[in-house]
């Protein structure tokens, strides 16, 4: 089997997972600290999904790191299938959460500052951007894993 860079068990896959952890954590932190996000349902959804993406990506980063250290990639079809399904599921949820948060941020920004202060709205916006970046990396790793699945 040719190793596809970015799939599970490669150093590029490890880098993708670390990026997911960093961007998801940044999104969660910008949304949570000092901001009353719980008054908007889409922001609560974003926080919940980013809270799910972080441990999933951390567990798979540990798997990737171990696979890179012992130079033994994941070759079990069942395990890779579960990873692909989990990635697709969380990627879909992350995209939905990021899109819904982006639409609420757009409404808040176009309201002219009457609903939220510019500092708070900018934190919402930064959190949403990090959520999109996390989704992009999650979808990339999911596509790489899906591409390598038939070769097992």
N, C-alpha and C. Protein backbone atom coordinates (compact mmCIF):
# COMPACT_ATOMS: atom_id res chain seq x y z
N UNK A 1 0.84 -1.18 0.00
CA UNK A 1 0.00 0.00 0.00
C UNK A 1 0.88 1.24 0.00
N UNK A 2 0.63 2.15 -0.91
CA UNK A 2 1.33 3.42 -0.92
C UNK A 2 0.70 4.32 0.12
N UNK A 3 1.55 4.96 0.92
CA UNK A 3 1.08 5.85 1.96
C UNK A 3 0.66 7.18 1.34
N UNK A 4 -0.55 7.57 1.59
CA UNK A 4 -1.05 8.84 1.12
C UNK A 4 -0.75 9.90 2.18
N UNK A 5 0.02 10.93 1.86
CA UNK A 5 0.31 11.96 2.86
C UNK A 5 -0.99 12.60 3.35
N UNK A 6 -1.14 12.67 4.65
CA UNK A 6 -2.34 13.24 5.24
C UNK A 6 -3.28 12.21 5.80
N UNK A 7 -3.08 10.94 5.44
CA UNK A 7 -3.95 9.90 5.99
C UNK A 7 -3.48 9.51 7.38
N UNK A 8 -4.27 8.71 8.04
CA UNK A 8 -3.96 8.30 9.41
C UNK A 8 -2.67 7.49 9.44
N UNK A 9 -1.81 7.84 10.39
CA UNK A 9 -0.56 7.13 10.57
C UNK A 9 0.63 7.79 9.90
N UNK A 10 0.44 8.94 9.29
CA UNK A 10 1.53 9.65 8.64
C UNK A 10 1.83 10.94 9.40
N UNK A 11 2.99 11.50 9.15
CA UNK A 11 3.36 12.74 9.83
C UNK A 11 2.48 13.91 9.34
N UNK A 12 2.08 13.89 8.08
CA UNK A 12 1.17 14.92 7.58
C UNK A 12 -0.21 14.79 8.24
N UNK A 13 -0.65 13.56 8.47
CA UNK A 13 -1.89 13.34 9.19
C UNK A 13 -1.81 13.84 10.62
N UNK A 14 -0.65 13.64 11.24
CA UNK A 14 -0.42 14.15 12.58
C UNK A 14 -0.48 15.68 12.59
N UNK A 15 0.11 16.31 11.58
CA UNK A 15 0.07 17.78 11.48
C UNK A 15 -1.36 18.28 11.27
N UNK A 16 -2.13 17.58 10.45
CA UNK A 16 -3.54 17.96 10.26
C UNK A 16 -4.32 17.88 11.57
N UNK A 17 -4.09 16.82 12.33
CA UNK A 17 -4.79 16.66 13.61
C UNK A 17 -4.38 17.73 14.60
N UNK A 18 -3.09 18.08 14.64
CA UNK A 18 -2.66 19.15 15.54
C UNK A 18 -3.29 20.48 15.14
N UNK A 19 -3.38 20.72 13.84
CA UNK A 19 -4.06 21.94 13.37
C UNK A 19 -5.52 21.96 13.77
N UNK A 20 -6.19 20.81 13.69
CA UNK A 20 -7.58 20.74 14.12
C UNK A 20 -7.72 21.07 15.60
N UNK A 21 -6.81 20.51 16.40
CA UNK A 21 -6.86 20.77 17.85
C UNK A 21 -6.64 22.25 18.13
N UNK A 22 -5.66 22.84 17.47
CA UNK A 22 -5.34 24.25 17.71
C UNK A 22 -6.49 25.16 17.29
N UNK A 23 -7.02 24.96 16.09
CA UNK A 23 -8.09 25.83 15.60
C UNK A 23 -9.40 25.61 16.37
N UNK A 24 -9.71 24.38 16.73
CA UNK A 24 -10.92 24.12 17.50
C UNK A 24 -10.81 24.72 18.89
N UNK A 25 -9.64 24.59 19.50
CA UNK A 25 -9.44 25.17 20.83
C UNK A 25 -9.52 26.69 20.77
N UNK A 26 -8.93 27.28 19.74
CA UNK A 26 -8.99 28.74 19.59
C UNK A 26 -10.43 29.20 19.40
N UNK A 27 -11.18 28.48 18.59
CA UNK A 27 -12.58 28.82 18.38
C UNK A 27 -13.36 28.74 19.69
N UNK A 28 -13.14 27.69 20.43
CA UNK A 28 -13.82 27.50 21.71
C UNK A 28 -13.42 28.59 22.70
N UNK A 29 -12.16 28.92 22.77
CA UNK A 29 -11.70 29.94 23.72
C UNK A 29 -12.21 31.32 23.37
N UNK A 30 -12.16 31.69 22.08
CA UNK A 30 -12.66 33.01 21.70
C UNK A 30 -14.16 33.14 21.93
N UNK A 31 -14.88 32.04 21.79
CA UNK A 31 -16.32 32.09 21.99
C UNK A 31 -16.69 32.09 23.47
N UNK A 32 -15.91 31.43 24.29
CA UNK A 32 -16.32 31.17 25.66
C UNK A 32 -15.88 32.21 26.69
N UNK A 33 -14.69 32.72 26.58
CA UNK A 33 -14.17 33.58 27.64
C UNK A 33 -14.65 35.01 27.52
N UNK A 34 -15.33 35.47 28.55
CA UNK A 34 -15.76 36.85 28.63
C UNK A 34 -16.89 37.22 27.70
N UNK A 35 -17.50 36.27 27.07
CA UNK A 35 -18.57 36.54 26.11
C UNK A 35 -19.80 35.74 26.52
N UNK A 36 -20.95 36.35 26.40
CA UNK A 36 -22.18 35.64 26.75
C UNK A 36 -22.76 34.99 25.49
N UNK A 37 -22.11 33.91 25.08
CA UNK A 37 -22.51 33.24 23.85
C UNK A 37 -23.80 32.45 24.00
N UNK A 38 -24.16 32.09 25.23
CA UNK A 38 -25.29 31.20 25.45
C UNK A 38 -26.64 31.84 25.14
N UNK A 39 -26.65 33.12 24.81
CA UNK A 39 -27.92 33.75 24.44
C UNK A 39 -28.27 33.50 22.97
N UNK A 40 -27.35 32.89 22.23
CA UNK A 40 -27.59 32.56 20.82
C UNK A 40 -27.42 31.06 20.63
N UNK A 41 -28.43 30.42 20.09
CA UNK A 41 -28.41 28.97 19.94
C UNK A 41 -27.30 28.49 19.02
N UNK A 42 -27.04 29.20 17.94
CA UNK A 42 -26.01 28.76 17.00
C UNK A 42 -24.62 28.82 17.64
N UNK A 43 -24.40 29.77 18.54
CA UNK A 43 -23.12 29.83 19.23
C UNK A 43 -22.99 28.68 20.23
N UNK A 44 -24.09 28.31 20.87
CA UNK A 44 -24.07 27.14 21.76
C UNK A 44 -23.76 25.87 20.96
N UNK A 45 -24.33 25.78 19.77
CA UNK A 45 -24.06 24.63 18.89
C UNK A 45 -22.59 24.60 18.49
N UNK A 46 -22.02 25.76 18.17
CA UNK A 46 -20.61 25.83 17.80
C UNK A 46 -19.71 25.39 18.95
N UNK A 47 -20.01 25.85 20.15
CA UNK A 47 -19.22 25.48 21.32
C UNK A 47 -19.33 23.98 21.58
N UNK A 48 -20.51 23.43 21.44
CA UNK A 48 -20.70 21.99 21.65
C UNK A 48 -19.91 21.17 20.63
N UNK A 49 -19.98 21.54 19.37
CA UNK A 49 -19.28 20.79 18.33
C UNK A 49 -17.78 20.92 18.47
N UNK A 50 -17.29 22.11 18.76
CA UNK A 50 -15.84 22.28 18.96
C UNK A 50 -15.39 21.49 20.20
N UNK A 51 -16.27 21.38 21.18
CA UNK A 51 -15.97 20.55 22.34
C UNK A 51 -15.91 19.08 22.01
N UNK A 52 -16.57 18.65 20.96
CA UNK A 52 -16.49 17.26 20.50
C UNK A 52 -15.29 17.04 19.57
N UNK A 53 -14.97 18.04 18.78
CA UNK A 53 -13.87 17.90 17.82
C UNK A 53 -12.53 17.81 18.53
N UNK A 54 -12.36 18.54 19.62
CA UNK A 54 -11.07 18.57 20.32
C UNK A 54 -10.66 17.18 20.82
N UNK A 55 -11.49 16.45 21.59
CA UNK A 55 -11.03 15.13 22.04
C UNK A 55 -10.90 14.11 20.90
N UNK A 56 -11.75 14.21 19.89
CA UNK A 56 -11.65 13.30 18.74
C UNK A 56 -10.32 13.52 18.03
N UNK A 57 -9.98 14.77 17.76
CA UNK A 57 -8.73 15.06 17.08
C UNK A 57 -7.53 14.74 17.96
N UNK A 58 -7.65 14.95 19.26
CA UNK A 58 -6.55 14.63 20.16
C UNK A 58 -6.29 13.13 20.19
N UNK A 59 -7.34 12.35 20.25
CA UNK A 59 -7.17 10.89 20.26
C UNK A 59 -6.53 10.41 18.96
N UNK A 60 -6.97 10.96 17.85
CA UNK A 60 -6.39 10.55 16.57
C UNK A 60 -4.98 11.11 16.37
N UNK A 61 -4.68 12.26 16.98
CA UNK A 61 -3.30 12.76 16.94
C UNK A 61 -2.38 11.85 17.74
N UNK A 62 -2.88 11.32 18.86
CA UNK A 62 -2.08 10.34 19.60
C UNK A 62 -1.84 9.09 18.77
N UNK A 63 -2.86 8.62 18.07
CA UNK A 63 -2.71 7.45 17.20
C UNK A 63 -1.72 7.73 16.08
N UNK A 64 -1.83 8.91 15.47
CA UNK A 64 -0.90 9.27 14.40
C UNK A 64 0.52 9.40 14.93
N UNK A 65 0.68 10.04 16.07
CA UNK A 65 2.01 10.19 16.66
C UNK A 65 2.63 8.85 16.98
N UNK A 66 1.85 7.95 17.54
CA UNK A 66 2.36 6.61 17.85
C UNK A 66 2.73 5.87 16.57
N UNK A 67 1.88 5.99 15.55
CA UNK A 67 2.17 5.32 14.27
C UNK A 67 3.42 5.86 13.61
N UNK A 68 3.66 7.16 13.74
CA UNK A 68 4.86 7.76 13.16
C UNK A 68 6.10 7.32 13.92
N UNK A 69 5.99 7.26 15.25
CA UNK A 69 7.15 6.88 16.07
C UNK A 69 7.55 5.43 15.82
N UNK A 70 6.58 4.52 15.78
CA UNK A 70 6.91 3.10 15.59
C UNK A 70 6.94 2.71 14.11
N UNK A 71 6.72 3.68 13.24
CA UNK A 71 6.69 3.49 11.77
C UNK A 71 5.81 2.33 11.34
N UNK A 72 4.64 2.27 11.94
CA UNK A 72 3.66 1.25 11.59
C UNK A 72 2.31 1.92 11.36
N UNK A 73 1.96 2.22 10.12
CA UNK A 73 0.69 2.90 9.86
C UNK A 73 -0.51 2.00 10.15
N UNK A 74 -1.65 2.63 10.29
CA UNK A 74 -2.89 1.89 10.54
C UNK A 74 -3.30 1.20 9.25
N UNK A 75 -3.36 -0.13 9.28
CA UNK A 75 -3.70 -0.90 8.08
C UNK A 75 -4.94 -1.75 8.25
N UNK A 76 -5.63 -1.62 9.36
CA UNK A 76 -6.86 -2.38 9.56
C UNK A 76 -8.01 -1.61 8.92
N UNK A 77 -8.72 -2.29 8.04
CA UNK A 77 -9.80 -1.65 7.30
C UNK A 77 -10.92 -1.18 8.23
N UNK A 78 -11.23 -1.96 9.25
CA UNK A 78 -12.31 -1.60 10.17
C UNK A 78 -12.01 -0.35 10.97
N UNK A 79 -10.77 -0.24 11.45
CA UNK A 79 -10.39 0.95 12.22
C UNK A 79 -10.40 2.18 11.34
N UNK A 80 -9.85 2.06 10.13
CA UNK A 80 -9.82 3.19 9.22
C UNK A 80 -11.24 3.59 8.80
N UNK A 81 -12.13 2.62 8.66
CA UNK A 81 -13.52 2.91 8.31
C UNK A 81 -14.20 3.70 9.44
N UNK A 82 -13.95 3.32 10.69
CA UNK A 82 -14.52 4.06 11.82
C UNK A 82 -13.98 5.48 11.87
N UNK A 83 -12.68 5.63 11.59
CA UNK A 83 -12.09 6.97 11.58
C UNK A 83 -12.71 7.82 10.48
N UNK A 84 -12.91 7.24 9.31
CA UNK A 84 -13.52 7.97 8.19
C UNK A 84 -14.94 8.39 8.53
N UNK A 85 -15.73 7.48 9.09
CA UNK A 85 -17.11 7.81 9.45
C UNK A 85 -17.14 8.89 10.52
N UNK A 86 -16.28 8.77 11.53
CA UNK A 86 -16.22 9.79 12.59
C UNK A 86 -15.80 11.14 12.05
N UNK A 87 -14.81 11.14 11.16
CA UNK A 87 -14.37 12.40 10.56
C UNK A 87 -15.46 13.05 9.72
N UNK A 88 -16.15 12.25 8.91
CA UNK A 88 -17.22 12.81 8.08
C UNK A 88 -18.35 13.35 8.94
N UNK A 89 -18.70 12.62 9.99
CA UNK A 89 -19.77 13.06 10.88
C UNK A 89 -19.40 14.38 11.55
N UNK A 90 -18.21 14.44 12.15
CA UNK A 90 -17.81 15.66 12.84
C UNK A 90 -17.52 16.80 11.87
N UNK A 91 -17.05 16.49 10.67
CA UNK A 91 -16.84 17.54 9.68
C UNK A 91 -18.15 18.18 9.25
N UNK A 92 -19.16 17.35 9.07
CA UNK A 92 -20.48 17.87 8.70
C UNK A 92 -21.06 18.74 9.81
N UNK A 93 -20.94 18.26 11.04
CA UNK A 93 -21.44 19.05 12.17
C UNK A 93 -20.64 20.35 12.34
N UNK A 94 -19.33 20.28 12.16
CA UNK A 94 -18.50 21.48 12.30
C UNK A 94 -18.83 22.51 11.22
N UNK A 95 -19.07 22.04 10.00
CA UNK A 95 -19.45 22.96 8.94
C UNK A 95 -20.81 23.60 9.24
N UNK A 96 -21.76 22.81 9.69
CA UNK A 96 -23.06 23.36 10.05
C UNK A 96 -22.98 24.37 11.18
N UNK A 97 -22.17 24.06 12.19
CA UNK A 97 -22.02 24.98 13.32
C UNK A 97 -21.32 26.27 12.89
N UNK A 98 -20.29 26.14 12.07
CA UNK A 98 -19.56 27.33 11.61
C UNK A 98 -20.45 28.20 10.72
N UNK A 99 -21.23 27.58 9.84
CA UNK A 99 -22.12 28.34 8.96
C UNK A 99 -23.22 29.04 9.75
N UNK A 100 -23.80 28.34 10.72
CA UNK A 100 -24.86 28.98 11.50
C UNK A 100 -24.31 30.11 12.36
N UNK A 101 -23.12 29.92 12.92
CA UNK A 101 -22.50 30.99 13.71
C UNK A 101 -22.15 32.17 12.81
N UNK A 102 -21.67 31.89 11.60
CA UNK A 102 -21.33 32.97 10.68
C UNK A 102 -22.56 33.78 10.29
N UNK A 103 -23.69 33.11 10.11
CA UNK A 103 -24.90 33.86 9.76
C UNK A 103 -25.37 34.74 10.91
N UNK A 104 -25.25 34.26 12.13
CA UNK A 104 -25.63 35.08 13.28
C UNK A 104 -24.66 36.25 13.45
N UNK A 105 -23.37 36.00 13.23
CA UNK A 105 -22.39 37.08 13.31
C UNK A 105 -22.69 38.14 12.26
N UNK A 106 -23.05 37.71 11.07
CA UNK A 106 -23.39 38.66 10.01
C UNK A 106 -24.59 39.51 10.40
N UNK A 107 -25.60 38.91 10.98
CA UNK A 107 -26.77 39.67 11.42
C UNK A 107 -26.39 40.64 12.53
N UNK A 108 -25.55 40.19 13.46
CA UNK A 108 -25.14 41.06 14.56
C UNK A 108 -24.29 42.23 14.06
N UNK A 109 -23.43 41.98 13.09
CA UNK A 109 -22.58 43.05 12.56
C UNK A 109 -23.37 44.06 11.73
N UNK A 110 -24.40 43.60 11.02
CA UNK A 110 -25.19 44.52 10.20
C UNK A 110 -26.24 45.26 11.01
N UNK A 111 -26.40 44.90 12.27
CA UNK A 111 -27.40 45.60 13.10
C UNK A 111 -26.89 46.96 13.55
N UNK A 112 -25.65 47.28 13.24
CA UNK A 112 -25.13 48.60 13.55
C UNK A 112 -24.64 48.74 14.99
N UNK A 113 -24.37 47.67 15.65
CA UNK A 113 -23.87 47.74 17.01
C UNK A 113 -24.95 47.90 18.06
N UNK A 114 -26.20 47.81 17.64
CA UNK A 114 -27.28 47.96 18.62
C UNK A 114 -27.51 46.69 19.44
N UNK A 115 -27.08 45.56 18.92
CA UNK A 115 -27.30 44.29 19.62
C UNK A 115 -26.08 43.90 20.44
N UNK A 116 -24.90 44.02 19.86
CA UNK A 116 -23.68 43.68 20.59
C UNK A 116 -22.60 44.71 20.31
N UNK A 117 -21.71 44.87 21.28
CA UNK A 117 -20.62 45.82 21.11
C UNK A 117 -19.65 45.30 20.05
N UNK A 118 -18.91 46.21 19.39
CA UNK A 118 -17.98 45.77 18.34
C UNK A 118 -16.92 44.80 18.85
N UNK A 119 -16.45 44.96 20.08
CA UNK A 119 -15.43 44.06 20.61
C UNK A 119 -15.97 42.64 20.74
N UNK A 120 -17.19 42.53 21.23
CA UNK A 120 -17.81 41.22 21.40
C UNK A 120 -18.10 40.60 20.03
N UNK A 121 -18.63 41.38 19.11
CA UNK A 121 -18.93 40.86 17.77
C UNK A 121 -17.65 40.41 17.05
N UNK A 122 -16.55 41.12 17.27
CA UNK A 122 -15.31 40.70 16.64
C UNK A 122 -14.81 39.40 17.23
N UNK A 123 -15.04 39.16 18.51
CA UNK A 123 -14.66 37.87 19.10
C UNK A 123 -15.50 36.74 18.52
N UNK A 124 -16.79 37.01 18.32
CA UNK A 124 -17.65 36.01 17.67
C UNK A 124 -17.13 35.71 16.26
N UNK A 125 -16.74 36.75 15.55
CA UNK A 125 -16.25 36.60 14.18
C UNK A 125 -14.95 35.79 14.15
N UNK A 126 -14.02 36.09 15.05
CA UNK A 126 -12.75 35.36 15.11
C UNK A 126 -12.99 33.90 15.44
N UNK A 127 -13.90 33.65 16.37
CA UNK A 127 -14.24 32.27 16.73
C UNK A 127 -14.80 31.51 15.54
N UNK A 128 -15.64 32.17 14.76
CA UNK A 128 -16.23 31.54 13.59
C UNK A 128 -15.17 31.25 12.52
N UNK A 129 -14.22 32.15 12.35
CA UNK A 129 -13.14 31.93 11.38
C UNK A 129 -12.32 30.72 11.79
N UNK A 130 -11.99 30.61 13.08
CA UNK A 130 -11.24 29.45 13.55
C UNK A 130 -12.04 28.16 13.38
N UNK A 131 -13.35 28.23 13.54
CA UNK A 131 -14.19 27.05 13.33
C UNK A 131 -14.14 26.61 11.86
N UNK A 132 -14.16 27.56 10.93
CA UNK A 132 -14.04 27.22 9.52
C UNK A 132 -12.68 26.61 9.20
N UNK A 133 -11.62 27.15 9.80
CA UNK A 133 -10.29 26.59 9.57
C UNK A 133 -10.19 25.17 10.13
N UNK A 134 -10.79 24.94 11.28
CA UNK A 134 -10.82 23.59 11.86
C UNK A 134 -11.59 22.64 10.96
N UNK A 135 -12.71 23.10 10.43
CA UNK A 135 -13.49 22.27 9.51
C UNK A 135 -12.69 21.94 8.26
N UNK A 136 -11.98 22.92 7.73
CA UNK A 136 -11.20 22.68 6.52
C UNK A 136 -10.16 21.59 6.73
N UNK A 137 -9.45 21.62 7.85
CA UNK A 137 -8.45 20.59 8.13
C UNK A 137 -9.11 19.24 8.39
N UNK A 138 -10.24 19.26 9.05
CA UNK A 138 -10.96 18.01 9.33
C UNK A 138 -11.45 17.37 8.04
N UNK A 139 -11.96 18.16 7.14
CA UNK A 139 -12.42 17.62 5.87
C UNK A 139 -11.26 17.12 5.03
N UNK A 140 -10.13 17.81 5.09
CA UNK A 140 -8.95 17.35 4.34
C UNK A 140 -8.48 16.00 4.85
N UNK A 141 -8.38 15.84 6.15
CA UNK A 141 -7.93 14.54 6.67
C UNK A 141 -8.96 13.46 6.39
N UNK A 142 -10.23 13.82 6.42
CA UNK A 142 -11.27 12.85 6.10
C UNK A 142 -11.19 12.40 4.65
N UNK A 143 -10.94 13.32 3.75
CA UNK A 143 -10.81 12.95 2.34
C UNK A 143 -9.58 12.09 2.09
N UNK A 144 -8.46 12.41 2.74
CA UNK A 144 -7.25 11.59 2.60
C UNK A 144 -7.49 10.17 3.10
N UNK A 145 -8.17 10.05 4.24
CA UNK A 145 -8.46 8.72 4.77
C UNK A 145 -9.43 7.96 3.89
N UNK A 146 -10.43 8.66 3.37
CA UNK A 146 -11.39 8.01 2.47
C UNK A 146 -10.68 7.53 1.20
N UNK A 147 -9.74 8.30 0.71
CA UNK A 147 -9.01 7.94 -0.49
C UNK A 147 -8.12 6.71 -0.26
N UNK A 148 -7.57 6.60 0.94
CA UNK A 148 -6.69 5.45 1.21
C UNK A 148 -7.46 4.19 1.63
N UNK A 149 -8.74 4.32 1.94
CA UNK A 149 -9.54 3.17 2.40
C UNK A 149 -9.65 2.05 1.36
N UNK A 150 -9.93 2.32 0.08
CA UNK A 150 -10.06 1.21 -0.88
C UNK A 150 -8.76 0.43 -1.13
N UNK A 151 -7.62 1.01 -0.82
CA UNK A 151 -6.36 0.32 -1.09
C UNK A 151 -6.02 -0.72 -0.02
N UNK A 152 -6.82 -0.83 1.03
CA UNK A 152 -6.54 -1.83 2.07
C UNK A 152 -7.05 -3.19 1.68
